[in-house]
Amino acid sequence: MKTQIIQLEPHDDTVSVKDKMGWSQTGRVVLVWPTRGRLLDRRLDLVLILRHSRALGAQIALVTSDPEVRFQARSLDISVYQSVRKAQKARWKRPRRSSFIINQERQAWQDRLERVQEIIADPLHRKRGTRVLSQPLRIGVFALAVLAVLSIAAVLIPSAEISITPEIRQQEITLNVRANDSVEKINLSGILPVRWASSIVEGRGSLQTTGNTSIPTDYASGEVVFQNLTDQPVVIPAGTVVSTTDSSYRFTTLRERRVRAGSGKVVETPIRAISPGSTSNLSAGRIKAIEGKLGVFLTVNNIKPTRGGSMSPSPAPSTRDRNQLREQLISTLTQNALQEIQDSLEPEAILLTESPALVSVLSETYSPADLQPASELELILRLEFEAPYISEKDSEALASAILEANLPTGYTPISGTMDIEQLTTPQFKGGSTTPWWIRLSRSIQSQPSAIQAVSLALGRSPQKASQLLMESLSLAKTPQIETFPSWWPVMPLIPIRIEVITTGTIQASSSASSENVE
């Protein structure tokens, strides 16, 4: 039933309110009081407005916080609400006819009857030369007048309220679909676009090394002979560095020595390798260079081999260790990426793979960096993965479009009831999937016409009207019909005197957007 909302102004009176109400055929009228100012707070004001609404065949309700107006409205059984929204959703109570209105109407009828009797009985009102009506004729005329009044009352006074509950049922379709990453939008033939989700993950792994290597432990030592190239004595400090000609092996002198003056004078001194290991065990004649300024004044040579440098075995990572650790860490990070991708997707999205693909290695760091001695090998990896999926939005858009195209006439879908069940599992390969079956379902409800309901009920008994409504409209249960007054045997003859209330309705869902459909 359509509702008319009228906003009152602080200067309005009963006359202006009636003008605003007009002669509209609206079944319900909401009068909204202004937040400031006092108006129409007398009982008589509300009685006059209520009488005018009855003449229009409409119900009224008030939206006001004025305590005086609320008190007077309740005394007249007029519904009062705090907001327009609550007034529109609520079922209004029908105002009772107050004793004030009943007494006024009764007095008006008595005045009219007395006036008719005076006109009939008073000779002054008769035209000269006319004949006086006989008593039976006068009674017949009076009876006809009363009968006419009663007939008009029978048409205008009664009203009725019909409560109907729309039928709710399931709409279900089984559909064969497939997905392809070359399409951007859904297709009503059952094609869905493949989307891609990516994830960047980082992790650290380690394992005990299984390889072996040798590490230098002891230092090689020996003796060298310095020869003077000048006619002056030369002092050789302890720690003087001597080496092979390519500086690959270096030694230091252990004691300070002094070469006597004169070319060809020599002195012998012990040396020790700077770096440990067996590689410093050199044959005789390999040490030829002196680092620093002394090389201008002296020559050097090891007339005997250097000995004592040694190596010891030590655990170290092997190539196999590195490969094994890398595979283990990639496997772990693949599962982490899969979990991250699943968490990022919508709840009803369909992941088309059990394992995401490795797109790129962003960083890879081993410790130790090469095959150096170590009992444990550590690796830090940062990888990028991606996985194909079908989005929940695309699936719902296709389902909604298919169901909408097959929606029965006179029904509308109920929001929040869409269900998509995967009957088989899609297999993704080469950018597309194999076809698979899904079941689409949702709840739909009928939309019975209030105009049709009123036309079926006009002038019929409540029982017959209820039977016709149940046969002609898609209803969940037998309509409830209430007449006012309750003892009135038939439905009103004027459509505006019948109000249709729809109960048990659920908010309908909107149709699929055409922007995502090809």
Protein backbone atom coordinates (compact mmCIF):
# COMPACT_ATOMS: atom_id res chain seq x y z
CA MET A 1 0.00 0.00 0.00
CA LYS A 2 1.40 3.37 -1.05
CA THR A 3 2.19 5.77 1.81
CA GLN A 4 2.00 9.57 1.50
CA ILE A 5 4.41 11.56 3.73
CA ILE A 6 3.39 15.14 4.63
CA GLN A 7 5.88 17.46 6.38
CA LEU A 8 4.04 20.01 8.56
CA GLU A 9 5.25 23.57 9.06
CA PRO A 10 5.15 25.54 12.37
CA HIS A 11 2.40 27.83 11.02
CA ASP A 12 0.08 25.01 9.77
CA ASP A 13 -3.50 24.68 11.07
CA THR A 14 -6.18 22.07 10.42
CA VAL A 15 -7.28 23.75 7.19
CA SER A 16 -3.77 23.80 5.68
CA VAL A 17 -3.19 20.19 6.78
CA LYS A 18 -6.41 19.13 5.01
CA ASP A 19 -5.27 20.98 1.90
CA LYS A 20 -1.95 19.14 2.00
CA MET A 21 -3.74 15.83 2.37
CA GLY A 22 -5.89 16.74 -0.68
CA TRP A 23 -8.10 14.11 -2.22
CA SER A 24 -5.37 11.59 -3.03
CA GLN A 25 -6.31 7.90 -3.20
CA THR A 26 -3.30 7.00 -1.05
CA GLY A 27 -4.23 4.38 1.53
CA ARG A 28 -1.87 5.61 4.28
CA VAL A 29 -0.81 9.15 5.22
CA VAL A 30 2.09 10.04 7.58
CA LEU A 31 1.95 13.52 9.16
CA VAL A 32 5.42 14.66 10.29
CA TRP A 33 5.54 17.35 12.99
CA PRO A 34 8.36 19.94 12.88
CA THR A 35 11.12 19.54 15.46
CA ARG A 36 10.39 23.01 16.87
CA GLY A 37 7.18 24.85 17.67
CA ARG A 38 3.83 23.62 18.91
CA LEU A 39 0.88 23.05 16.63
CA LEU A 40 -2.29 20.98 16.45
CA ASP A 41 -1.93 19.88 20.06
CA ARG A 42 -5.65 20.14 20.84
CA ARG A 43 -7.87 17.11 20.77
CA LEU A 44 -10.31 18.90 18.44
CA ASP A 45 -7.52 19.47 15.84
CA LEU A 46 -6.77 15.75 15.68
CA VAL A 47 -10.48 14.88 15.56
CA LEU A 48 -10.97 17.14 12.52
CA ILE A 49 -7.93 15.68 10.76
CA LEU A 50 -9.04 12.14 11.59
CA ARG A 51 -12.53 12.87 10.21
CA HIS A 52 -10.99 14.23 6.99
CA SER A 53 -8.80 11.08 6.61
CA ARG A 54 -11.92 8.92 7.02
CA ALA A 55 -13.59 10.91 4.25
CA LEU A 56 -10.57 10.16 2.06
CA GLY A 57 -10.71 6.49 2.96
CA ALA A 58 -7.17 6.58 4.33
CA GLN A 59 -5.38 5.73 7.56
CA ILE A 60 -3.21 8.33 9.28
CA ALA A 61 -0.18 8.07 11.54
CA LEU A 62 1.87 10.76 13.28
CA VAL A 63 5.63 11.26 13.59
CA THR A 64 6.21 13.62 16.52
CA SER A 65 7.95 13.93 19.87
CA ASP A 66 5.45 16.49 21.27
CA PRO A 67 4.10 14.82 24.45
CA GLU A 68 0.71 16.60 24.25
CA VAL A 69 0.15 15.55 20.65
CA ARG A 70 1.22 11.99 21.41
CA PHE A 71 -1.18 11.86 24.37
CA GLN A 72 -4.16 13.14 22.35
CA ALA A 73 -3.29 10.80 19.44
CA ARG A 74 -3.19 7.75 21.70
CA SER A 75 -6.56 8.67 23.21
CA LEU A 76 -7.98 8.57 19.65
CA ASP A 77 -6.10 5.32 18.78
CA ILE A 78 -3.96 7.09 16.17
CA SER A 79 -0.56 5.41 15.62
CA VAL A 80 2.42 7.57 16.70
CA TYR A 81 6.09 6.86 15.78
CA GLN A 82 9.50 8.36 16.40
CA SER A 83 10.63 8.31 12.73
CA VAL A 84 9.20 8.11 9.23
CA ARG A 85 11.08 4.87 8.57
CA LYS A 86 9.45 3.12 11.53
CA ALA A 87 6.05 4.46 10.47
CA GLN A 88 6.48 3.05 6.95
CA LYS A 89 7.51 -0.42 8.18
CA ALA A 90 4.95 -0.77 10.99
CA ARG A 91 1.45 -2.09 10.78
CA TRP A 92 -0.84 0.72 11.89
CA LYS A 93 -3.72 0.26 14.25
CA ARG A 94 -7.06 1.50 12.99
CA PRO A 95 -8.24 4.52 15.06
CA ARG A 96 -11.42 3.93 16.99
CA ARG A 97 -14.29 6.28 16.59
CA SER A 98 -14.20 8.47 19.63
CA SER A 99 -17.36 9.34 21.58
CA PHE A 100 -16.85 12.94 20.48
CA ILE A 101 -17.11 12.00 16.79
CA ILE A 102 -19.95 9.54 17.39
CA ASN A 103 -21.97 12.12 19.33
CA GLN A 104 -21.44 14.73 16.62
CA GLU A 105 -22.54 12.33 13.89
CA ARG A 106 -25.52 11.19 15.94
CA GLN A 107 -26.54 14.80 16.56
CA ALA A 108 -26.19 15.59 12.85
CA TRP A 109 -28.49 12.68 11.94
CA GLN A 110 -31.08 13.77 14.53
CA ASP A 111 -31.00 17.35 13.20
CA ARG A 112 -31.55 16.14 9.64
CA LEU A 113 -34.48 13.90 10.65
CA GLU A 114 -36.12 16.68 12.67
CA ARG A 115 -35.70 19.05 9.72
CA VAL A 116 -37.35 16.57 7.34
CA GLN A 117 -40.23 16.07 9.77
CA GLU A 118 -40.70 19.82 10.15
CA ILE A 119 -40.79 20.31 6.39
CA ILE A 120 -43.36 17.54 6.00
CA ALA A 121 -45.58 18.67 8.93
CA ASP A 122 -45.36 22.47 8.58
CA PRO A 123 -48.14 23.81 6.28
CA LEU A 124 -46.16 26.99 5.64
CA HIS A 125 -43.63 25.01 3.65
CA ARG A 126 -46.22 23.51 1.35
CA LYS A 127 -46.91 25.18 -1.94
CA ARG A 128 -50.32 26.71 -2.21
CA GLY A 129 -52.76 24.51 -4.04
CA THR A 130 -50.76 21.30 -3.48
CA ARG A 131 -52.23 18.23 -2.00
CA VAL A 132 -51.14 17.03 1.46
CA LEU A 133 -49.46 13.63 1.31
CA SER A 134 -51.20 10.80 3.06
CA GLN A 135 -49.70 9.23 6.15
CA PRO A 136 -48.70 5.95 4.43
CA LEU A 137 -47.04 7.87 1.59
CA ARG A 138 -45.13 10.02 4.04
CA ILE A 139 -43.92 6.91 5.81
CA GLY A 140 -42.86 5.37 2.48
CA VAL A 141 -40.92 8.48 1.47
CA PHE A 142 -39.20 8.55 4.84
CA ALA A 143 -38.33 4.83 4.57
CA LEU A 144 -36.87 5.35 1.13
CA ALA A 145 -34.72 8.22 2.45
CA VAL A 146 -33.48 6.09 5.32
CA LEU A 147 -32.80 3.21 2.94
CA ALA A 148 -30.79 5.50 0.65
CA VAL A 149 -28.74 6.73 3.57
CA LEU A 150 -28.11 3.17 4.73
CA SER A 151 -27.08 2.15 1.20
CA ILE A 152 -24.53 4.97 1.03
CA ALA A 153 -23.24 4.02 4.47
CA ALA A 154 -22.94 0.40 3.37
CA VAL A 155 -20.65 1.50 0.54
CA LEU A 156 -18.53 4.07 2.38
CA ILE A 157 -18.27 2.87 5.98
CA PRO A 158 -16.93 -0.75 5.82
CA SER A 159 -13.21 -1.44 5.21
CA ALA A 160 -11.07 -4.54 5.16
CA GLU A 161 -7.46 -5.66 5.54
CA ILE A 162 -5.97 -8.58 3.62
CA SER A 163 -2.70 -10.17 4.82
CA ILE A 164 -0.92 -12.27 2.17
CA THR A 165 2.33 -14.24 2.42
CA PRO A 166 4.28 -14.72 -0.86
CA GLU A 167 5.43 -18.22 -1.80
CA ILE A 168 9.17 -18.97 -1.44
CA ARG A 169 10.79 -21.76 -3.45
CA GLN A 170 14.17 -22.92 -4.78
CA GLN A 171 15.52 -22.14 -8.26
CA GLU A 172 18.18 -24.65 -9.33
CA ILE A 173 20.27 -25.14 -12.52
CA THR A 174 23.11 -27.59 -13.32
CA LEU A 175 25.70 -26.05 -15.68
CA ASN A 176 28.81 -27.21 -17.54
CA VAL A 177 31.53 -24.52 -17.37
CA ARG A 178 35.19 -24.00 -18.26
CA ALA A 179 37.82 -21.29 -17.65
CA ASN A 180 40.40 -19.64 -19.89
CA ASP A 181 43.09 -17.03 -19.16
CA SER A 182 42.62 -15.42 -22.59
CA VAL A 183 39.18 -13.98 -21.72
CA GLU A 184 38.58 -10.96 -19.48
CA LYS A 185 34.84 -11.28 -18.74
CA ILE A 186 32.36 -14.06 -18.12
CA ASN A 187 30.38 -15.48 -21.03
CA LEU A 188 26.82 -16.77 -20.70
CA SER A 189 27.87 -19.87 -22.64
CA GLY A 190 29.65 -20.94 -19.44
CA ILE A 191 33.15 -19.49 -19.86
CA LEU A 192 34.93 -17.91 -16.89
CA PRO A 193 38.15 -15.83 -16.93
CA VAL A 194 41.24 -17.23 -15.20
CA ARG A 195 42.84 -14.79 -12.77
CA TRP A 196 46.39 -14.98 -11.36
CA ALA A 197 47.43 -14.45 -7.76
CA SER A 198 51.08 -13.87 -6.82
CA SER A 199 53.01 -14.11 -3.57
CA ILE A 200 56.56 -13.16 -2.54
CA VAL A 201 57.94 -15.28 0.30
CA GLU A 202 61.29 -15.38 2.10
CA GLY A 203 62.76 -18.11 4.26
CA ARG A 204 65.90 -19.42 5.91
CA GLY A 205 67.11 -23.03 6.07
CA SER A 206 70.17 -24.93 7.27
CA LEU A 207 71.63 -28.44 7.43
CA GLN A 208 74.71 -30.24 8.71
CA THR A 209 77.46 -30.46 6.09
CA THR A 210 78.52 -33.85 4.78
CA GLY A 211 81.61 -32.87 2.73
CA ASN A 212 85.24 -32.60 3.82
CA THR A 213 88.13 -30.26 3.10
CA SER A 214 91.66 -29.65 4.41
CA ILE A 215 92.54 -26.59 6.43
CA PRO A 216 96.05 -25.31 7.11
CA THR A 217 97.22 -25.88 10.70
CA ASP A 218 101.03 -25.61 11.10
CA TYR A 219 103.41 -22.99 9.67
CA ALA A 220 106.40 -23.86 7.45
CA SER A 221 109.86 -22.66 8.61
CA GLY A 222 113.47 -22.65 7.39
CA GLU A 223 116.53 -20.41 6.88
CA VAL A 224 117.57 -17.80 4.32
CA VAL A 225 120.91 -16.19 3.52
CA PHE A 226 121.20 -12.43 3.02
CA GLN A 227 124.13 -11.11 0.90
CA ASN A 228 125.42 -7.53 1.11
CA LEU A 229 125.56 -5.60 -2.16
CA THR A 230 127.25 -2.50 -0.65
CA ASP A 231 130.48 -1.56 1.13
CA GLN A 232 128.50 -0.61 4.21
CA PRO A 233 127.18 -2.81 7.03
CA VAL A 234 123.37 -3.48 6.83
CA VAL A 235 121.06 -4.25 9.78
CA ILE A 236 118.20 -6.70 9.06
CA PRO A 237 115.40 -6.18 11.65
CA ALA A 238 113.36 -9.11 12.98
CA GLY A 239 110.08 -9.36 11.05
CA THR A 240 111.56 -8.47 7.69
CA VAL A 241 109.33 -10.03 4.97
CA VAL A 242 110.86 -12.19 2.25
CA SER A 243 108.91 -14.01 -0.47
CA THR A 244 108.92 -15.82 -3.74
CA THR A 245 109.29 -13.62 -6.79
CA ASP A 246 105.50 -13.63 -7.44
CA SER A 247 104.77 -12.88 -3.74
CA SER A 248 102.59 -16.01 -3.50
CA TYR A 249 104.44 -17.29 -0.43
CA ARG A 250 105.70 -14.89 2.21
CA PHE A 251 107.90 -15.42 5.26
CA THR A 252 109.21 -13.24 8.10
CA THR A 253 112.61 -13.26 9.76
CA LEU A 254 112.56 -14.35 13.37
CA ARG A 255 115.71 -12.57 14.60
CA GLU A 256 117.60 -9.35 13.94
CA ARG A 257 120.82 -9.80 11.94
CA ARG A 258 123.70 -7.50 10.81
CA VAL A 259 125.60 -8.04 7.56
CA ARG A 260 129.17 -6.89 7.69
CA ALA A 261 130.42 -4.20 5.32
CA GLY A 262 131.63 -5.29 1.99
CA SER A 263 130.12 -6.61 -1.16
CA GLY A 264 129.46 -10.35 -1.01
CA LYS A 265 129.33 -10.54 2.81
CA VAL A 266 126.51 -12.85 3.96
CA VAL A 267 124.50 -13.66 7.05
CA GLU A 268 122.03 -16.50 7.75
CA THR A 269 118.71 -16.07 9.69
CA PRO A 270 115.67 -18.27 10.52
CA ILE A 271 112.31 -17.56 8.86
CA ARG A 272 108.66 -18.62 9.33
CA ALA A 273 105.71 -18.62 6.85
CA ILE A 274 103.11 -15.89 7.38
CA SER A 275 100.23 -18.25 6.41
CA PRO A 276 99.90 -21.81 7.72
CA GLY A 277 99.57 -24.84 5.49
CA SER A 278 101.60 -27.30 3.49
CA THR A 279 101.68 -25.00 0.48
CA SER A 280 104.43 -23.00 2.20
CA ASN A 281 106.76 -26.02 2.13
CA LEU A 282 109.04 -24.69 -0.63
CA SER A 283 112.01 -26.22 -2.33
CA ALA A 284 115.47 -24.57 -2.11
CA GLY A 285 116.07 -21.43 -4.11
CA ARG A 286 112.39 -20.34 -4.24
CA ILE A 287 112.68 -17.35 -1.89
CA LYS A 288 114.28 -14.51 -3.86
CA ALA A 289 112.59 -11.21 -2.89
CA ILE A 290 112.91 -8.77 0.01
CA GLU A 291 109.96 -6.44 0.69
CA GLY A 292 110.79 -2.85 1.62
CA LYS A 293 113.93 -0.70 1.24
CA LEU A 294 116.36 -3.47 2.16
CA GLY A 295 115.87 -4.99 -1.28
CA VAL A 296 118.17 -2.28 -2.68
CA PHE A 297 121.05 -3.26 -0.44
CA LEU A 298 120.70 -7.04 -0.05
CA THR A 299 119.79 -10.23 -1.87
CA VAL A 300 118.15 -13.28 -0.27
CA ASN A 301 117.96 -16.98 -0.99
CA ASN A 302 116.85 -20.15 0.82
CA ILE A 303 119.60 -22.61 0.26
CA LYS A 304 117.52 -25.32 1.97
CA PRO A 305 113.84 -26.25 1.60
CA THR A 306 111.25 -24.89 4.06
CA ARG A 307 109.43 -27.55 6.02
CA GLY A 308 106.79 -28.06 8.76
CA GLY A 309 103.70 -26.59 7.07
CA SER A 310 100.72 -29.01 7.39
CA MET A 311 96.95 -29.41 6.66
CA SER A 312 94.19 -31.06 8.73
CA PRO A 313 90.82 -32.48 7.52
CA SER A 314 87.64 -30.42 8.35
CA PRO A 315 83.87 -30.71 7.57
CA ALA A 316 82.69 -28.49 4.72
CA PRO A 317 79.56 -28.10 2.55
CA SER A 318 79.52 -30.05 -0.64
CA THR A 319 77.72 -29.27 -3.90
CA ARG A 320 75.22 -31.95 -2.97
CA ASP A 321 74.60 -30.23 0.37
CA ARG A 322 73.88 -26.93 -1.38
CA ASN A 323 71.46 -28.54 -3.85
CA GLN A 324 69.67 -30.50 -1.14
CA LEU A 325 69.24 -27.44 1.09
CA ARG A 326 67.94 -25.39 -1.84
CA GLU A 327 65.34 -28.01 -2.77
CA GLN A 328 64.15 -28.35 0.83
CA LEU A 329 63.80 -24.60 1.29
CA ILE A 330 62.00 -24.13 -2.05
CA SER A 331 59.55 -26.88 -1.07
CA THR A 332 58.83 -25.17 2.25
CA LEU A 333 58.44 -21.74 0.64
CA THR A 334 56.12 -23.21 -2.01
CA GLN A 335 53.73 -24.36 0.73
CA ASN A 336 54.00 -20.99 2.45
CA ALA A 337 53.20 -19.21 -0.82
CA LEU A 338 50.21 -21.50 -1.41
CA GLN A 339 48.85 -20.68 2.05
CA GLU A 340 49.36 -16.95 1.53
CA ILE A 341 47.60 -17.07 -1.84
CA GLN A 342 44.67 -19.03 -0.37
CA ASP A 343 44.36 -16.54 2.49
CA SER A 344 44.34 -13.62 0.05
CA LEU A 345 41.53 -15.04 -2.11
CA GLU A 346 37.79 -14.68 -1.53
CA PRO A 347 36.19 -17.52 0.47
CA GLU A 348 34.44 -19.03 -2.56
CA ALA A 349 37.27 -18.51 -5.07
CA ILE A 350 38.42 -21.68 -6.90
CA LEU A 351 42.18 -22.32 -6.88
CA LEU A 352 43.11 -24.20 -10.05
CA THR A 353 46.37 -25.75 -8.82
CA GLU A 354 47.65 -27.62 -5.81
CA SER A 355 51.08 -25.99 -6.02
CA PRO A 356 51.93 -22.44 -7.17
CA ALA A 357 54.52 -21.96 -9.89
CA LEU A 358 57.93 -20.43 -9.11
CA VAL A 359 58.19 -17.24 -11.19
CA SER A 360 61.59 -15.87 -10.15
CA VAL A 361 64.35 -16.11 -7.54
CA LEU A 362 64.68 -12.62 -6.11
CA SER A 363 67.67 -13.39 -3.87
CA GLU A 364 69.76 -16.47 -2.90
CA THR A 365 72.44 -16.24 -0.19
CA TYR A 366 74.55 -19.16 1.14
CA SER A 367 76.60 -19.09 4.33
CA PRO A 368 79.45 -19.88 3.94
CA ALA A 369 79.39 -18.29 0.51
CA ASP A 370 81.55 -20.97 -1.15
CA LEU A 371 82.91 -24.38 -0.24
CA GLN A 372 84.71 -23.15 2.88
CA PRO A 373 85.08 -25.27 6.01
CA ALA A 374 81.89 -25.25 8.10
CA SER A 375 79.87 -27.78 10.04
CA GLU A 376 76.58 -26.17 9.03
CA LEU A 377 75.35 -24.72 5.74
CA GLU A 378 72.74 -21.93 5.78
CA LEU A 379 70.63 -20.56 2.91
CA ILE A 380 68.33 -17.49 2.67
CA LEU A 381 65.92 -17.46 -0.27
CA ARG A 382 63.43 -14.84 -1.49
CA LEU A 383 61.09 -16.21 -4.16
CA GLU A 384 58.07 -15.08 -6.19
CA PHE A 385 55.22 -17.55 -6.92
CA GLU A 386 51.93 -17.29 -8.79
CA ALA A 387 48.83 -19.48 -9.09
CA PRO A 388 45.72 -19.47 -11.34
CA TYR A 389 42.25 -19.13 -9.81
CA ILE A 390 38.62 -18.29 -10.58
CA SER A 391 37.34 -15.36 -8.53
CA GLU A 392 34.22 -15.57 -6.40
CA LYS A 393 32.91 -12.40 -8.07
CA ASP A 394 33.14 -13.95 -11.55
CA SER A 395 31.46 -17.17 -10.41
CA GLU A 396 28.60 -15.29 -8.74
CA ALA A 397 28.18 -12.97 -11.76
CA LEU A 398 27.85 -15.96 -14.11
CA ALA A 399 25.51 -17.78 -11.70
CA SER A 400 23.33 -14.69 -11.24
CA ALA A 401 23.13 -14.05 -14.98
CA ILE A 402 22.20 -17.67 -15.75
CA LEU A 403 19.59 -17.85 -12.97
CA GLU A 404 18.20 -14.43 -13.93
CA ALA A 405 17.69 -15.60 -17.52
CA ASN A 406 15.70 -18.58 -16.24
CA LEU A 407 13.74 -16.76 -13.49
CA PRO A 408 10.02 -17.75 -13.50
CA THR A 409 7.57 -14.96 -14.29
CA GLY A 410 6.18 -13.24 -11.21
CA TYR A 411 9.11 -14.20 -8.97
CA THR A 412 12.07 -12.26 -7.63
CA PRO A 413 15.36 -13.58 -6.13
CA ILE A 414 16.09 -13.33 -2.40
CA SER A 415 19.45 -11.74 -1.55
CA GLY A 416 22.06 -13.77 0.28
CA THR A 417 20.68 -17.18 -0.81
CA MET A 418 22.95 -17.82 -3.81
CA ASP A 419 24.82 -21.15 -3.61
CA ILE A 420 27.37 -22.54 -6.10
CA GLU A 421 28.27 -26.22 -5.65
CA GLN A 422 31.24 -27.75 -7.49
CA LEU A 423 30.07 -31.17 -8.72
CA THR A 424 33.40 -32.05 -10.40
CA THR A 425 36.97 -30.73 -10.18
CA PRO A 426 38.50 -28.58 -12.96
CA GLN A 427 41.97 -29.43 -14.29
CA PHE A 428 44.11 -26.45 -15.41
CA LYS A 429 46.76 -26.86 -18.09
CA GLY A 430 48.10 -24.64 -20.86
CA GLY A 431 46.09 -21.56 -19.91
CA SER A 432 42.66 -23.23 -19.78
CA THR A 433 40.70 -25.82 -17.83
CA THR A 434 38.84 -28.95 -18.71
CA PRO A 435 35.02 -28.52 -18.52
CA TRP A 436 33.46 -29.28 -15.13
CA TRP A 437 29.94 -29.31 -13.67
CA ILE A 438 28.49 -26.90 -11.11
CA ARG A 439 25.06 -26.61 -9.50
CA LEU A 440 23.53 -23.13 -9.10
CA SER A 441 20.70 -22.53 -6.65
CA ARG A 442 18.98 -19.72 -4.79
CA SER A 443 15.66 -18.92 -3.09
CA ILE A 444 13.05 -16.93 -4.98
CA GLN A 445 9.74 -15.49 -3.81
CA SER A 446 6.53 -14.61 -5.63
CA GLN A 447 5.35 -11.02 -6.10
CA PRO A 448 1.56 -11.09 -5.70
CA SER A 449 -0.16 -7.99 -7.10
CA ALA A 450 -2.02 -5.90 -4.51
CA ILE A 451 -4.28 -4.50 -7.27
CA GLN A 452 -5.21 -8.02 -8.39
CA ALA A 453 -5.84 -9.07 -4.80
CA VAL A 454 -8.21 -6.13 -4.26
CA SER A 455 -10.11 -6.79 -7.52
CA LEU A 456 -10.60 -10.47 -6.58
CA ALA A 457 -11.96 -9.59 -3.13
CA LEU A 458 -14.38 -6.73 -3.99
CA GLY A 459 -17.93 -7.41 -2.81
CA ARG A 460 -17.29 -11.05 -1.91
CA SER A 461 -17.52 -12.77 1.42
CA PRO A 462 -14.22 -13.08 3.30
CA GLN A 463 -14.30 -16.88 2.84
CA LYS A 464 -14.87 -16.69 -0.91
CA ALA A 465 -12.29 -13.90 -1.31
CA SER A 466 -9.69 -15.95 0.59
CA GLN A 467 -10.36 -18.97 -1.64
CA LEU A 468 -10.00 -16.93 -4.85
CA LEU A 469 -6.78 -15.30 -3.65
CA MET A 470 -5.24 -18.68 -2.81
CA GLU A 471 -6.19 -20.07 -6.23
CA SER A 472 -5.10 -17.05 -8.30
CA LEU A 473 -1.94 -15.85 -6.51
CA SER A 474 1.26 -17.74 -5.63
CA LEU A 475 0.96 -17.69 -1.84
CA ALA A 476 2.67 -19.65 0.92
CA LYS A 477 -0.51 -19.95 3.02
CA THR A 478 -4.18 -18.95 3.11
CA PRO A 479 -4.66 -15.15 3.27
CA GLN A 480 -5.93 -13.63 6.50
CA ILE A 481 -8.89 -11.24 5.97
CA GLU A 482 -10.21 -8.87 8.63
CA THR A 483 -13.23 -6.61 8.08
CA PHE A 484 -14.06 -3.40 9.91
CA PRO A 485 -16.50 -3.61 11.58
CA SER A 486 -15.79 -7.24 12.27
CA TRP A 487 -19.41 -8.35 11.87
CA TRP A 488 -19.71 -6.95 8.32
CA PRO A 489 -20.55 -9.94 6.07
CA VAL A 490 -18.94 -8.91 2.76
CA MET A 491 -15.86 -7.13 1.50
CA PRO A 492 -16.13 -3.39 0.64
CA LEU A 493 -17.23 -2.36 -2.87
CA ILE A 494 -14.71 0.50 -3.13
CA PRO A 495 -11.07 -0.53 -3.80
CA ILE A 496 -9.56 2.19 -1.60
CA ARG A 497 -11.41 0.72 1.41
CA ILE A 498 -9.37 -2.51 1.12
CA GLU A 499 -5.77 -2.54 2.35
CA VAL A 500 -3.38 -5.31 1.27
CA ILE A 501 -0.49 -6.12 3.62
CA THR A 502 2.33 -8.41 2.46
CA THR A 503 3.92 -10.40 5.29
CA GLY A 504 6.95 -12.70 5.43
CA THR A 505 8.74 -10.93 2.55
CA ILE A 506 12.52 -11.00 2.26
CA GLN A 507 14.67 -8.38 0.57
CA ALA A 508 15.19 -9.18 -3.08
CA SER A 509 18.65 -9.28 -4.65
CA SER A 510 19.70 -7.15 -7.59
CA SER A 511 20.39 -8.68 -10.99
CA ALA A 512 23.93 -9.30 -12.29
CA SER A 513 25.82 -6.30 -13.64
CA SER A 514 26.12 -6.31 -17.43
CA GLU A 515 29.60 -4.76 -17.20
CA ASN A 516 31.15 -8.14 -16.34
CA VAL A 517 29.24 -10.21 -18.88
CA GLU A 518 30.10 -10.80 -22.52
